[in-house]
Structure formats: C-alpha cells, structure tokens
Full PDB file with SEQRES, HELIX, SHEET, SSBOND, CRYST1, ORIGX, SCALE, CONECT and MASTER records, all heavy atoms in Angstrom:
SEQRES   1 A   35  VAL GLY ILE LEU PRO ALA ILE THR VAL PHE VAL VAL ILE          
SEQRES   2 A   35  ILE LEU MET TYR ARG LEU ILE THR TRP MET ALA ALA LYS          
SEQRES   3 A   35  SER LYS LYS PHE GLU THR PHE ILE GLU                          
HELIX    1 AA1 ILE A    3  LYS A   26  1                                  24    
HELIX    2 AA2 LYS A   28  ILE A   34  1                                   7    
CRYST1    1.000    1.000    1.000  90.00  90.00  90.00 P 1           1          
ORIGX1      1.000000  0.000000  0.000000        0.00000                         
ORIGX2      0.000000  1.000000  0.000000        0.00000                         
ORIGX3      0.000000  0.000000  1.000000        0.00000                         
SCALE1      1.000000  0.000000  0.000000        0.00000                         
SCALE2      0.000000  1.000000  0.000000        0.00000                         
SCALE3      0.000000  0.000000  1.000000        0.00000                         
ATOM      1  N   VAL A   1      62.351 -97.533 -13.835  1.00  0.00           N  
ATOM      2  CA  VAL A   1      63.633 -97.853 -14.479  1.00  0.00           C  
ATOM      3  C   VAL A   1      63.980 -99.300 -14.145  1.00  0.00           C  
ATOM      4  O   VAL A   1      64.158 -99.649 -12.968  1.00  0.00           O  
ATOM      5  CB  VAL A   1      64.761 -96.915 -13.991  1.00  0.00           C  
ATOM      6  CG1 VAL A   1      66.086 -97.309 -14.649  1.00  0.00           C  
ATOM      7  CG2 VAL A   1      64.424 -95.465 -14.287  1.00  0.00           C  
ATOM      8  N   GLY A   2      64.071-100.119 -15.156  1.00  0.00           N  
ATOM      9  CA  GLY A   2      64.355-101.531 -14.935  1.00  0.00           C  
ATOM     10  C   GLY A   2      65.809-101.786 -14.597  1.00  0.00           C  
ATOM     11  O   GLY A   2      66.706-101.036 -15.004  1.00  0.00           O  
ATOM     12  N   ILE A   3      66.085-102.862 -13.860  1.00  0.00           N  
ATOM     13  CA  ILE A   3      67.449-103.196 -13.465  1.00  0.00           C  
ATOM     14  C   ILE A   3      68.266-103.706 -14.651  1.00  0.00           C  
ATOM     15  O   ILE A   3      69.433-103.336 -14.812  1.00  0.00           O  
ATOM     16  CB  ILE A   3      67.430-104.248 -12.332  1.00  0.00           C  
ATOM     17  CG1 ILE A   3      66.894-103.602 -11.049  1.00  0.00           C  
ATOM     18  CG2 ILE A   3      68.824-104.821 -12.091  1.00  0.00           C  
ATOM     19  CD1 ILE A   3      66.771-104.566  -9.887  1.00  0.00           C  
ATOM     20  N   LEU A   4      67.668-104.529 -15.491  1.00  0.00           N  
ATOM     21  CA  LEU A   4      68.428-105.093 -16.619  1.00  0.00           C  
ATOM     22  C   LEU A   4      68.909-104.015 -17.608  1.00  0.00           C  
ATOM     23  O   LEU A   4      70.054-104.073 -18.053  1.00  0.00           O  
ATOM     24  CB  LEU A   4      67.598-106.162 -17.328  1.00  0.00           C  
ATOM     25  CG  LEU A   4      67.438-107.479 -16.565  1.00  0.00           C  
ATOM     26  CD1 LEU A   4      66.615-108.473 -17.367  1.00  0.00           C  
ATOM     27  CD2 LEU A   4      68.805-108.085 -16.229  1.00  0.00           C  
ATOM     28  N   PRO A   5      68.058-103.041 -17.984  1.00  0.00           N  
ATOM     29  CA  PRO A   5      68.594-101.958 -18.819  1.00  0.00           C  
ATOM     30  C   PRO A   5      69.752-101.215 -18.148  1.00  0.00           C  
ATOM     31  O   PRO A   5      70.721-100.830 -18.810  1.00  0.00           O  
ATOM     32  CB  PRO A   5      67.374-101.036 -19.020  1.00  0.00           C  
ATOM     33  CG  PRO A   5      66.207-101.946 -18.918  1.00  0.00           C  
ATOM     34  CD  PRO A   5      66.586-102.941 -17.863  1.00  0.00           C  
ATOM     35  N   ALA A   6      69.683-101.023 -16.817  1.00  0.00           N  
ATOM     36  CA  ALA A   6      70.769-100.345 -16.095  1.00  0.00           C  
ATOM     37  C   ALA A   6      72.046-101.174 -16.134  1.00  0.00           C  
ATOM     38  O   ALA A   6      73.146-100.641 -16.334  1.00  0.00           O  
ATOM     39  CB  ALA A   6      70.354-100.086 -14.649  1.00  0.00           C  
ATOM     40  N   ILE A   7      71.901-102.495 -15.964  1.00  0.00           N  
ATOM     41  CA  ILE A   7      73.066-103.380 -16.046  1.00  0.00           C  
ATOM     42  C   ILE A   7      73.667-103.331 -17.450  1.00  0.00           C  
ATOM     43  O   ILE A   7      74.894-103.337 -17.628  1.00  0.00           O  
ATOM     44  CB  ILE A   7      72.670-104.817 -15.666  1.00  0.00           C  
ATOM     45  CG1 ILE A   7      72.316-104.876 -14.169  1.00  0.00           C  
ATOM     46  CG2 ILE A   7      73.808-105.789 -15.987  1.00  0.00           C  
ATOM     47  CD1 ILE A   7      71.768-106.227 -13.723  1.00  0.00           C  
ATOM     48  N   THR A   8      72.795-103.247 -18.446  1.00  0.00           N  
ATOM     49  CA  THR A   8      73.274-103.137 -19.837  1.00  0.00           C  
ATOM     50  C   THR A   8      74.104-101.869 -20.022  1.00  0.00           C  
ATOM     51  O   THR A   8      75.138-101.885 -20.695  1.00  0.00           O  
ATOM     52  CB  THR A   8      72.079-103.137 -20.809  1.00  0.00           C  
ATOM     53  OG1 THR A   8      71.313-104.309 -20.624  1.00  0.00           O  
ATOM     54  CG2 THR A   8      72.564-103.061 -22.253  1.00  0.00           C  
ATOM     55  N   VAL A   9      73.641-100.782 -19.400  1.00  0.00           N  
ATOM     56  CA  VAL A   9      74.399 -99.529 -19.469  1.00  0.00           C  
ATOM     57  C   VAL A   9      75.793 -99.728 -18.872  1.00  0.00           C  
ATOM     58  O   VAL A   9      76.801 -99.292 -19.436  1.00  0.00           O  
ATOM     59  CB  VAL A   9      73.654 -98.399 -18.724  1.00  0.00           C  
ATOM     60  CG1 VAL A   9      74.531 -97.156 -18.628  1.00  0.00           C  
ATOM     61  CG2 VAL A   9      72.345 -98.062 -19.425  1.00  0.00           C  
ATOM     62  N   PHE A  10      75.869-100.390 -17.710  1.00  0.00           N  
ATOM     63  CA  PHE A  10      77.164-100.670 -17.083  1.00  0.00           C  
ATOM     64  C   PHE A  10      78.082-101.431 -18.027  1.00  0.00           C  
ATOM     65  O   PHE A  10      79.262-101.101 -18.174  1.00  0.00           O  
ATOM     66  CB  PHE A  10      76.955-101.475 -15.789  1.00  0.00           C  
ATOM     67  CG  PHE A  10      76.871-100.644 -14.555  1.00  0.00           C  
ATOM     68  CD1 PHE A  10      75.770 -99.841 -14.311  1.00  0.00           C  
ATOM     69  CD2 PHE A  10      77.906-100.643 -13.629  1.00  0.00           C  
ATOM     70  CE1 PHE A  10      75.695 -99.073 -13.172  1.00  0.00           C  
ATOM     71  CE2 PHE A  10      77.843 -99.871 -12.486  1.00  0.00           C  
ATOM     72  CZ  PHE A  10      76.723 -99.084 -12.245  1.00  0.00           C  
ATOM     73  N   VAL A  11      77.547-102.451 -18.650  1.00  0.00           N  
ATOM     74  CA  VAL A  11      78.345-103.278 -19.554  1.00  0.00           C  
ATOM     75  C   VAL A  11      78.859-102.444 -20.723  1.00  0.00           C  
ATOM     76  O   VAL A  11      80.038-102.524 -21.092  1.00  0.00           O  
ATOM     77  CB  VAL A  11      77.515-104.476 -20.068  1.00  0.00           C  
ATOM     78  CG1 VAL A  11      78.283-105.222 -21.158  1.00  0.00           C  
ATOM     79  CG2 VAL A  11      77.182-105.413 -18.915  1.00  0.00           C  
ATOM     80  N   VAL A  12      77.987-101.617 -21.297  1.00  0.00           N  
ATOM     81  CA  VAL A  12      78.386-100.780 -22.435  1.00  0.00           C  
ATOM     82  C   VAL A  12      79.475 -99.788 -22.017  1.00  0.00           C  
ATOM     83  O   VAL A  12      80.464 -99.587 -22.740  1.00  0.00           O  
ATOM     84  CB  VAL A  12      77.165-100.022 -23.003  1.00  0.00           C  
ATOM     85  CG1 VAL A  12      77.612 -98.998 -24.047  1.00  0.00           C  
ATOM     86  CG2 VAL A  12      76.183-101.002 -23.627  1.00  0.00           C  
ATOM     87  N   ILE A  13      79.308 -99.185 -20.856  1.00  0.00           N  
ATOM     88  CA  ILE A  13      80.290 -98.202 -20.385  1.00  0.00           C  
ATOM     89  C   ILE A  13      81.659 -98.862 -20.175  1.00  0.00           C  
ATOM     90  O   ILE A  13      82.699 -98.310 -20.568  1.00  0.00           O  
ATOM     91  CB  ILE A  13      79.816 -97.532 -19.080  1.00  0.00           C  
ATOM     92  CG1 ILE A  13      78.617 -96.627 -19.373  1.00  0.00           C  
ATOM     93  CG2 ILE A  13      80.942 -96.713 -18.436  1.00  0.00           C  
ATOM     94  CD1 ILE A  13      77.942 -96.074 -18.149  1.00  0.00           C  
ATOM     95  N   ILE A  14      81.663-100.040 -19.558  1.00  0.00           N  
ATOM     96  CA  ILE A  14      82.927-100.754 -19.342  1.00  0.00           C  
ATOM     97  C   ILE A  14      83.570-101.119 -20.677  1.00  0.00           C  
ATOM     98  O   ILE A  14      84.793-101.002 -20.859  1.00  0.00           O  
ATOM     99  CB  ILE A  14      82.702-102.018 -18.487  1.00  0.00           C  
ATOM    100  CG1 ILE A  14      82.228-101.631 -17.086  1.00  0.00           C  
ATOM    101  CG2 ILE A  14      83.976-102.841 -18.403  1.00  0.00           C  
ATOM    102  CD1 ILE A  14      83.161-100.705 -16.341  1.00  0.00           C  
ATOM    103  N   LEU A  15      82.755-101.563 -21.636  1.00  0.00           N  
ATOM    104  CA  LEU A  15      83.290-101.897 -22.965  1.00  0.00           C  
ATOM    105  C   LEU A  15      83.844-100.656 -23.662  1.00  0.00           C  
ATOM    106  O   LEU A  15      84.896-100.706 -24.310  1.00  0.00           O  
ATOM    107  CB  LEU A  15      82.204-102.555 -23.820  1.00  0.00           C  
ATOM    108  CG  LEU A  15      81.777-103.962 -23.401  1.00  0.00           C  
ATOM    109  CD1 LEU A  15      80.626-104.456 -24.272  1.00  0.00           C  
ATOM    110  CD2 LEU A  15      82.959-104.938 -23.477  1.00  0.00           C  
ATOM    111  N   MET A  16      83.131 -99.528 -23.521  1.00  0.00           N  
ATOM    112  CA  MET A  16      83.625 -98.268 -24.096  1.00  0.00           C  
ATOM    113  C   MET A  16      84.940 -97.861 -23.431  1.00  0.00           C  
ATOM    114  O   MET A  16      85.866 -97.372 -24.085  1.00  0.00           O  
ATOM    115  CB  MET A  16      82.584 -97.169 -23.923  1.00  0.00           C  
ATOM    116  CG  MET A  16      81.341 -97.332 -24.773  1.00  0.00           C  
ATOM    117  SD  MET A  16      81.666 -97.093 -26.541  1.00  0.00           S  
ATOM    118  CE  MET A  16      81.996 -95.342 -26.604  1.00  0.00           C  
ATOM    119  N   TYR A  17      85.002 -98.049 -22.130  1.00  0.00           N  
ATOM    120  CA  TYR A  17      86.236 -97.746 -21.384  1.00  0.00           C  
ATOM    121  C   TYR A  17      87.397 -98.581 -21.911  1.00  0.00           C  
ATOM    122  O   TYR A  17      88.486 -98.060 -22.174  1.00  0.00           O  
ATOM    123  CB  TYR A  17      86.008 -98.015 -19.894  1.00  0.00           C  
ATOM    124  CG  TYR A  17      87.275 -97.993 -19.072  1.00  0.00           C  
ATOM    125  CD1 TYR A  17      87.873 -96.790 -18.705  1.00  0.00           C  
ATOM    126  CD2 TYR A  17      87.878 -99.181 -18.652  1.00  0.00           C  
ATOM    127  CE1 TYR A  17      89.039 -96.772 -17.958  1.00  0.00           C  
ATOM    128  CE2 TYR A  17      89.037 -99.171 -17.909  1.00  0.00           C  
ATOM    129  CZ  TYR A  17      89.614 -97.966 -17.557  1.00  0.00           C  
ATOM    130  OH  TYR A  17      90.766 -97.951 -16.824  1.00  0.00           O  
ATOM    131  N   ARG A  18      87.156 -99.876 -22.074  1.00  0.00           N  
ATOM    132  CA  ARG A  18      88.198-100.761 -22.588  1.00  0.00           C  
ATOM    133  C   ARG A  18      88.615-100.370 -24.001  1.00  0.00           C  
ATOM    134  O   ARG A  18      89.805-100.371 -24.338  1.00  0.00           O  
ATOM    135  CB  ARG A  18      87.690-102.215 -22.581  1.00  0.00           C  
ATOM    136  CG  ARG A  18      87.436-102.794 -21.197  1.00  0.00           C  
ATOM    137  CD  ARG A  18      88.719-103.030 -20.458  1.00  0.00           C  
ATOM    138  NE  ARG A  18      88.513-103.742 -19.206  1.00  0.00           N  
ATOM    139  CZ  ARG A  18      89.471-104.028 -18.352  1.00  0.00           C  
ATOM    140  NH1 ARG A  18      90.713-103.652 -18.606  1.00  0.00           N  
ATOM    141  NH2 ARG A  18      89.205-104.679 -17.227  1.00  0.00           N  
ATOM    142  N   LEU A  19      87.635-100.035 -24.830  1.00  0.00           N  
ATOM    143  CA  LEU A  19      87.917 -99.669 -26.217  1.00  0.00           C  
ATOM    144  C   LEU A  19      88.745 -98.397 -26.288  1.00  0.00           C  
ATOM    145  O   LEU A  19      89.757 -98.335 -27.004  1.00  0.00           O  
ATOM    146  CB  LEU A  19      86.605 -99.488 -26.985  1.00  0.00           C  
ATOM    147  CG  LEU A  19      86.727 -98.973 -28.427  1.00  0.00           C  
ATOM    148  CD1 LEU A  19      87.514 -99.963 -29.278  1.00  0.00           C  
ATOM    149  CD2 LEU A  19      85.351 -98.698 -29.022  1.00  0.00           C  
ATOM    150  N   ILE A  20      88.323 -97.375 -25.549  1.00  0.00           N  
ATOM    151  CA  ILE A  20      89.034 -96.097 -25.600  1.00  0.00           C  
ATOM    152  C   ILE A  20      90.428 -96.219 -25.000  1.00  0.00           C  
ATOM    153  O   ILE A  20      91.395 -95.628 -25.499  1.00  0.00           O  
ATOM    154  CB  ILE A  20      88.199 -95.006 -24.888  1.00  0.00           C  
ATOM    155  CG1 ILE A  20      86.950 -94.697 -25.714  1.00  0.00           C  
ATOM    156  CG2 ILE A  20      89.023 -93.737 -24.677  1.00  0.00           C  
ATOM    157  CD1 ILE A  20      86.008 -93.709 -25.087  1.00  0.00           C  
ATOM    158  N   THR A  21      90.563 -96.995 -23.921  1.00  0.00           N  
ATOM    159  CA  THR A  21      91.887 -97.224 -23.333  1.00  0.00           C  
ATOM    160  C   THR A  21      92.806 -97.912 -24.327  1.00  0.00           C  
ATOM    161  O   THR A  21      93.989 -97.558 -24.471  1.00  0.00           O  
ATOM    162  CB  THR A  21      91.762 -98.088 -22.058  1.00  0.00           C  
ATOM    163  OG1 THR A  21      90.915 -97.423 -21.121  1.00  0.00           O  
ATOM    164  CG2 THR A  21      93.124 -98.303 -21.420  1.00  0.00           C  
ATOM    165  N   TRP A  22      92.264 -98.896 -25.045  1.00  0.00           N  
ATOM    166  CA  TRP A  22      93.057 -99.603 -26.066  1.00  0.00           C  
ATOM    167  C   TRP A  22      93.459 -98.653 -27.193  1.00  0.00           C  
ATOM    168  O   TRP A  22      94.605 -98.656 -27.638  1.00  0.00           O  
ATOM    169  CB  TRP A  22      92.235-100.771 -26.606  1.00  0.00           C  
ATOM    170  CG  TRP A  22      92.938-101.548 -27.694  1.00  0.00           C  
ATOM    171  CD1 TRP A  22      93.892-102.511 -27.535  1.00  0.00           C  
ATOM    172  CD2 TRP A  22      92.747-101.384 -29.108  1.00  0.00           C  
ATOM    173  NE1 TRP A  22      94.306-102.971 -28.750  1.00  0.00           N  
ATOM    174  CE2 TRP A  22      93.629-102.300 -29.743  1.00  0.00           C  
ATOM    175  CE3 TRP A  22      91.928-100.576 -29.881  1.00  0.00           C  
ATOM    176  CZ2 TRP A  22      93.698-102.410 -31.116  1.00  0.00           C  
ATOM    177  CZ3 TRP A  22      92.003-100.692 -31.261  1.00  0.00           C  
ATOM    178  CH2 TRP A  22      92.871-101.592 -31.866  1.00  0.00           C  
ATOM    179  N   MET A  23      92.514 -97.824 -27.641  1.00  0.00           N  
ATOM    180  CA  MET A  23      92.809 -96.880 -28.732  1.00  0.00           C  
ATOM    181  C   MET A  23      93.847 -95.846 -28.286  1.00  0.00           C  
ATOM    182  O   MET A  23      94.730 -95.471 -29.065  1.00  0.00           O  
ATOM    183  CB  MET A  23      91.521 -96.172 -29.171  1.00  0.00           C  
ATOM    184  CG  MET A  23      90.534 -97.087 -29.874  1.00  0.00           C  
ATOM    185  SD  MET A  23      88.955 -96.280 -30.233  1.00  0.00           S  
ATOM    186  CE  MET A  23      89.475 -95.025 -31.405  1.00  0.00           C  
ATOM    187  N   ALA A  24      93.760 -95.415 -27.034  1.00  0.00           N  
ATOM    188  CA  ALA A  24      94.721 -94.439 -26.514  1.00  0.00           C  
ATOM    189  C   ALA A  24      96.126 -95.042 -26.449  1.00  0.00           C  
ATOM    190  O   ALA A  24      97.125 -94.353 -26.686  1.00  0.00           O  
ATOM    191  CB  ALA A  24      94.287 -93.949 -25.138  1.00  0.00           C  
ATOM    192  N   ALA A  25      96.196 -96.330 -26.118  1.00  0.00           N  
ATOM    193  CA  ALA A  25      97.492 -97.003 -26.049  1.00  0.00           C  
ATOM    194  C   ALA A  25      98.102 -97.178 -27.440  1.00  0.00           C  
ATOM    195  O   ALA A  25      99.327 -97.216 -27.590  1.00  0.00           O  
ATOM    196  CB  ALA A  25      97.337 -98.359 -25.368  1.00  0.00           C  
ATOM    197  N   LYS A  26      97.238 -97.272 -28.455  1.00  0.00           N  
ATOM    198  CA  LYS A  26      97.712 -97.490 -29.821  1.00  0.00           C  
ATOM    199  C   LYS A  26      98.048 -96.192 -30.552  1.00  0.00           C  
ATOM    200  O   LYS A  26      98.852 -96.180 -31.474  1.00  0.00           O  
ATOM    201  CB  LYS A  26      96.655 -98.255 -30.618  1.00  0.00           C  
ATOM    202  CG  LYS A  26      96.395 -99.676 -30.135  1.00  0.00           C  
ATOM    203  CD  LYS A  26      97.604-100.563 -30.349  1.00  0.00           C  
ATOM    204  CE  LYS A  26      97.319-101.999 -29.922  1.00  0.00           C  
ATOM    205  NZ  LYS A  26      98.498-102.881 -30.144  1.00  0.00           N  
ATOM    206  N   SER A  27      97.403 -95.100 -30.144  1.00  0.00           N  
ATOM    207  CA  SER A  27      97.577 -93.840 -30.873  1.00  0.00           C  
ATOM    208  C   SER A  27      97.879 -92.696 -29.911  1.00  0.00           C  
ATOM    209  O   SER A  27      97.066 -92.369 -29.045  1.00  0.00           O  
ATOM    210  CB  SER A  27      96.312 -93.512 -31.677  1.00  0.00           C  
ATOM    211  OG  SER A  27      96.367 -92.192 -32.205  1.00  0.00           O  
ATOM    212  N   LYS A  28      99.043 -92.084 -30.064  1.00  0.00           N  
ATOM    213  CA  LYS A  28      99.430 -90.959 -29.219  1.00  0.00           C  
ATOM    214  C   LYS A  28      98.518 -89.765 -29.457  1.00  0.00           C  
ATOM    215  O   LYS A  28      98.162 -89.040 -28.510  1.00  0.00           O  
ATOM    216  CB  LYS A  28     100.889 -90.567 -29.504  1.00  0.00           C  
ATOM    217  CG  LYS A  28     101.430 -89.520 -28.550  1.00  0.00           C  
ATOM    218  CD  LYS A  28     101.510 -90.044 -27.130  1.00  0.00           C  
ATOM    219  CE  LYS A  28     102.086 -88.998 -26.182  1.00  0.00           C  
ATOM    220  NZ  LYS A  28     102.094 -89.465 -24.781  1.00  0.00           N  
ATOM    221  N   LYS A  29      98.114 -89.543 -30.687  1.00  0.00           N  
ATOM    222  CA  LYS A  29      97.220 -88.422 -31.003  1.00  0.00           C  
ATOM    223  C   LYS A  29      95.870 -88.593 -30.328  1.00  0.00           C  
ATOM    224  O   LYS A  29      95.298 -87.642 -29.791  1.00  0.00           O  
ATOM    225  CB  LYS A  29      97.043 -88.289 -32.524  1.00  0.00           C  
ATOM    226  CG  LYS A  29      98.274 -87.771 -33.247  1.00  0.00           C  
ATOM    227  CD  LYS A  29      97.992 -87.577 -34.726  1.00  0.00           C  
ATOM    228  CE  LYS A  29      99.204 -87.004 -35.439  1.00  0.00           C  
ATOM    229  NZ  LYS A  29      98.950 -86.817 -36.907  1.00  0.00           N  
ATOM    230  N   PHE A  30      95.351 -89.815 -30.365  1.00  0.00           N  
ATOM    231  CA  PHE A  30      94.062 -90.078 -29.726  1.00  0.00           C  
ATOM    232  C   PHE A  30      94.182 -89.916 -28.209  1.00  0.00           C  
ATOM    233  O   PHE A  30      93.281 -89.379 -27.557  1.00  0.00           O  
ATOM    234  CB  PHE A  30      93.578 -91.492 -30.068  1.00  0.00           C  
ATOM    235  CG  PHE A  30      92.200 -91.796 -29.561  1.00  0.00           C  
ATOM    236  CD1 PHE A  30      91.083 -91.271 -30.189  1.00  0.00           C  
ATOM    237  CD2 PHE A  30      92.023 -92.594 -28.437  1.00  0.00           C  
ATOM    238  CE1 PHE A  30      89.804 -91.535 -29.714  1.00  0.00           C  
ATOM    239  CE2 PHE A  30      90.754 -92.867 -27.957  1.00  0.00           C  
ATOM    240  CZ  PHE A  30      89.640 -92.332 -28.596  1.00  0.00           C  
ATOM    241  N   GLU A  31      95.292 -90.376 -27.639  1.00  0.00           N  
ATOM    242  CA  GLU A  31      95.512 -90.230 -26.194  1.00  0.00           C  
ATOM    243  C   GLU A  31      95.549 -88.755 -25.804  1.00  0.00           C  
ATOM    244  O   GLU A  31      94.967 -88.356 -24.792  1.00  0.00           O  
ATOM    245  CB  GLU A  31      96.825 -90.902 -25.792  1.00  0.00           C  
ATOM    246  CG  GLU A  31      97.122 -90.800 -24.299  1.00  0.00           C  
ATOM    247  CD  GLU A  31      98.480 -91.356 -23.936  1.00  0.00           C  
ATOM    248  OE1 GLU A  31      99.309 -91.567 -24.847  1.00  0.00           O  
ATOM    249  OE2 GLU A  31      98.725 -91.576 -22.742  1.00  0.00           O  
ATOM    250  N   THR A  32      96.219 -87.940 -26.618  1.00  0.00           N  
ATOM    251  CA  THR A  32      96.286 -86.507 -26.338  1.00  0.00           C  
ATOM    252  C   THR A  32      94.911 -85.871 -26.433  1.00  0.00           C  
ATOM    253  O   THR A  32      94.555 -85.002 -25.625  1.00  0.00           O  
ATOM    254  CB  THR A  32      97.241 -85.821 -27.333  1.00  0.00           C  
ATOM    255  OG1 THR A  32      98.553 -86.387 -27.181  1.00  0.00           O  
ATOM    256  CG2 THR A  32      97.321 -84.316 -27.072  1.00  0.00           C  
ATOM    257  N   PHE A  33      94.100 -86.298 -27.403  1.00  0.00           N  
ATOM    258  CA  PHE A  33      92.747 -85.761 -27.544  1.00  0.00           C  
ATOM    259  C   PHE A  33      91.895 -86.092 -26.328  1.00  0.00           C  
ATOM    260  O   PHE A  33      91.154 -85.250 -25.822  1.00  0.00           O  
ATOM    261  CB  PHE A  33      92.091 -86.321 -28.809  1.00  0.00           C  
ATOM    262  CG  PHE A  33      90.636 -85.950 -28.932  1.00  0.00           C  
ATOM    263  CD1 PHE A  33      90.268 -84.669 -29.306  1.00  0.00           C  
ATOM    264  CD2 PHE A  33      89.648 -86.880 -28.656  1.00  0.00           C  
ATOM    265  CE1 PHE A  33      88.926 -84.318 -29.408  1.00  0.00           C  
ATOM    266  CE2 PHE A  33      88.304 -86.541 -28.755  1.00  0.00           C  
ATOM    267  CZ  PHE A  33      87.941 -85.254 -29.132  1.00  0.00           C  
ATOM    268  N   ILE A  34      91.997 -87.331 -25.852  1.00  0.00           N  
ATOM    269  CA  ILE A  34      91.181 -87.777 -24.722  1.00  0.00           C  
ATOM    270  C   ILE A  34      91.661 -87.185 -23.408  1.00  0.00           C  
ATOM    271  O   ILE A  34      90.882 -86.639 -22.621  1.00  0.00           O  
ATOM    272  CB  ILE A  34      91.170 -89.315 -24.631  1.00  0.00           C  
ATOM    273  CG1 ILE A  34      90.444 -89.914 -25.841  1.00  0.00           C  
ATOM    274  CG2 ILE A  34      90.486 -89.776 -23.348  1.00  0.00           C  
ATOM    275  CD1 ILE A  34      88.984 -89.551 -25.943  1.00  0.00           C  
ATOM    276  N   GLU A  35      92.948 -87.297 -23.133  1.00  0.00           N  
ATOM    277  CA  GLU A  35      93.490 -86.905 -21.833  1.00  0.00           C  
ATOM    278  C   GLU A  35      94.025 -85.474 -21.810  1.00  0.00           C  
ATOM    279  O   GLU A  35      94.212 -84.906 -20.740  1.00  0.00           O  
ATOM    280  CB  GLU A  35      94.619 -87.865 -21.443  1.00  0.00           C  
ATOM    281  CG  GLU A  35      94.182 -89.311 -21.248  1.00  0.00           C  
ATOM    282  CD  GLU A  35      93.407 -89.530 -19.964  1.00  0.00           C  
ATOM    283  OE1 GLU A  35      93.259 -88.561 -19.182  1.00  0.00           O  
ATOM    284  OE2 GLU A  35      92.943 -90.657 -19.746  1.00  0.00           O  
TER     285      GLU A  35                                                      
MASTER        0    0    0    2    0    0    0    6  284    1    0    3          
END                                                                             
C-alpha cells in the first residue's frame, strides 16, 4: 500500500467532510438525514 494513495484518501475524506458539513448547514432536511 503506497503512502501517496493513502494521503490522497485523507484529502478526499477531509473534502467530503467539508462538503457535507456545508450542505448540512445549508439544508435542514439534509442535516436531519445525516445526523
């Protein structure tokens, strides 16, 4: 397992986290679905 692909996974996960957090803040329905 290479280190760079693993780092890429970290970056994608953080970006997904930021995206979903932003979407949850914008939409109450989406926040309820997630949380």
